[in-house]
Amino acid sequence: MPHLGQINNQTGEDCFGICWQANADGFDYLTAVQISALGTLPEGFTPLEIAPQRYAVFIHHGHSSAIPQTIAAIWEKWLPASGLQAANTPCYERYTAEYNPQTGMGGTEIWIPIQQ
C-alpha cells in the first residue's frame, strides 16, 4: 500500500492479488498494480504480464479475512456446477478504489480464468 500512486506508468487506483503456480503445497502470490508500459520499477518489484483471458468474476461481500471462504465456494461449488473448467493461467483478487485497507471492507472481486 505505501507504493500506491508512486509506481511509474501506474494506471488507475486498483490493486491486485495475483495467484499462480498452484499445487498441493500452495501457490505463489503477488501484489500488483496495472501499468501502461514497463519502465523503471522500484527495487524488489517484478513485472508480470497476463495474457487476455475469459474470466468469471465474483463480488466478495464482507471482510477481506473471509476471502478464502469465497474462493473455496467458487472452486468447490460454483465451478463444478457451472460446466466450465478453470484455465491454466493466474487468477486474482481485484481491490477497487472502494476497498478500504483500514477496515478490510468493500470493493473486492475474485477473478477466475475459465475455458469451455
Protein backbone atom coordinates (compact mmCIF):
# COMPACT_ATOMS: atom_id res chain seq x y z
CA MET A 1 0.00 0.00 0.00
CA PRO A 2 2.75 2.57 0.66
CA HIS A 3 3.81 2.39 -3.02
CA LEU A 4 0.36 3.11 -4.50
CA GLY A 5 0.42 6.06 -6.84
CA GLN A 6 4.23 6.11 -6.82
CA ILE A 7 4.93 3.43 -9.43
CA ASN A 8 5.96 4.66 -12.87
CA ASN A 9 3.24 4.23 -15.50
CA GLN A 10 0.62 3.06 -12.97
CA THR A 11 -2.89 3.22 -14.42
CA GLY A 12 -5.93 3.55 -12.19
CA GLU A 13 -6.20 3.01 -8.46
CA ASP A 14 -7.00 -0.72 -8.40
CA CYS A 15 -4.72 -3.18 -6.63
CA PHE A 16 -4.48 -6.88 -7.37
CA GLY A 17 -3.54 -10.07 -5.58
CA ILE A 18 -2.30 -12.44 -8.31
CA CYS A 19 -2.32 -16.19 -7.60
CA TRP A 20 -0.48 -18.66 -9.82
CA GLN A 21 1.56 -21.86 -9.86
CA ALA A 22 -0.93 -23.53 -7.54
CA ASN A 23 -0.18 -27.07 -6.40
CA ALA A 24 -0.77 -29.29 -3.36
CA ASP A 25 1.79 -27.29 -1.36
CA GLY A 26 0.21 -23.88 -2.01
CA PHE A 27 0.62 -21.13 -4.61
CA ASP A 28 2.63 -18.04 -5.44
CA TYR A 29 1.04 -14.70 -4.56
CA LEU A 30 2.00 -11.32 -5.96
CA THR A 31 0.52 -7.95 -5.02
CA ALA A 32 0.27 -5.73 -8.07
CA VAL A 33 -0.99 -2.64 -9.83
CA GLN A 34 -1.65 -2.21 -13.52
CA ILE A 35 0.91 -0.26 -15.53
CA SER A 36 0.62 1.12 -19.07
CA ALA A 37 4.23 0.38 -20.01
CA LEU A 38 7.17 -1.35 -18.43
CA GLY A 39 9.52 1.31 -17.15
CA THR A 40 11.73 1.58 -14.13
CA LEU A 41 10.19 -0.30 -11.23
CA PRO A 42 11.12 0.22 -7.58
CA GLU A 43 13.77 -2.15 -6.18
CA GLY A 44 12.29 -5.54 -5.33
CA PHE A 45 9.40 -5.22 -7.81
CA THR A 46 8.84 -7.79 -10.56
CA PRO A 47 6.83 -7.31 -13.76
CA LEU A 48 4.19 -9.91 -14.61
CA GLU A 49 2.31 -9.83 -17.90
CA ILE A 50 -1.01 -11.67 -18.03
CA ALA A 51 -2.39 -12.50 -21.47
CA PRO A 52 -6.03 -11.66 -22.22
CA GLN A 53 -8.32 -14.35 -20.86
CA ARG A 54 -12.00 -15.06 -20.23
CA TYR A 55 -12.86 -14.76 -16.53
CA ALA A 56 -15.77 -15.46 -14.23
CA VAL A 57 -15.96 -12.50 -11.83
CA PHE A 58 -17.37 -12.75 -8.31
CA ILE A 59 -18.07 -9.92 -5.87
CA HIS A 60 -16.75 -10.66 -2.40
CA HIS A 61 -19.03 -9.25 0.29
CA GLY A 62 -17.68 -8.91 3.78
CA HIS A 63 -14.28 -8.53 5.39
CA SER A 64 -11.14 -9.36 3.43
CA SER A 65 -10.26 -12.04 6.00
CA ALA A 66 -13.18 -14.08 4.60
CA ILE A 67 -11.82 -14.14 1.03
CA PRO A 68 -10.53 -17.74 1.44
CA GLN A 69 -14.11 -18.91 2.12
CA THR A 70 -15.38 -17.12 -1.01
CA ILE A 71 -12.61 -18.65 -3.10
CA ALA A 72 -13.31 -22.12 -1.67
CA ALA A 73 -17.02 -21.78 -2.54
CA ILE A 74 -16.13 -20.78 -6.10
CA TRP A 75 -13.71 -23.68 -6.65
CA GLU A 76 -15.64 -26.33 -4.71
CA LYS A 77 -19.26 -25.45 -5.57
CA TRP A 78 -19.70 -22.96 -8.42
CA LEU A 79 -17.02 -24.21 -10.82
CA PRO A 80 -18.01 -27.92 -10.72
CA ALA A 81 -21.69 -26.98 -11.17
CA SER A 82 -21.00 -24.49 -13.99
CA GLY A 83 -19.90 -26.96 -16.65
CA LEU A 84 -16.80 -24.81 -17.18
CA GLN A 85 -13.16 -25.56 -16.47
CA ALA A 86 -10.51 -23.33 -14.98
CA ALA A 87 -7.89 -22.17 -17.47
CA ASN A 88 -4.23 -22.70 -16.68
CA THR A 89 -3.44 -19.04 -16.08
CA PRO A 90 -3.34 -16.82 -12.97
CA CYS A 91 -6.48 -15.98 -11.03
CA TYR A 92 -6.64 -12.84 -8.97
CA GLU A 93 -8.30 -10.62 -6.43
CA ARG A 94 -9.12 -7.10 -7.56
CA TYR A 95 -9.32 -4.37 -4.94
CA THR A 96 -11.10 -1.35 -6.40
CA ALA A 97 -10.96 2.26 -5.19
CA GLU A 98 -13.92 1.39 -2.93
CA TYR A 99 -11.77 -1.05 -0.93
CA ASN A 100 -10.73 0.35 2.44
CA PRO A 101 -7.47 -1.23 3.67
CA GLN A 102 -8.05 0.16 7.17
CA THR A 103 -11.38 -1.64 7.59
CA GLY A 104 -10.81 -4.55 5.16
CA MET A 105 -14.22 -3.89 3.62
CA GLY A 106 -15.66 -3.02 0.20
CA GLY A 107 -14.67 -3.17 -3.44
CA THR A 108 -13.32 -6.71 -3.70
CA GLU A 109 -13.69 -9.03 -6.69
CA ILE A 110 -12.41 -12.56 -7.34
CA TRP A 111 -11.47 -13.28 -10.99
CA ILE A 112 -11.26 -16.96 -12.01
CA PRO A 113 -9.89 -17.77 -15.50
CA ILE A 114 -12.23 -20.10 -17.34
CA GLN A 115 -12.40 -22.14 -20.54
CA GLN A 116 -15.34 -24.01 -22.01
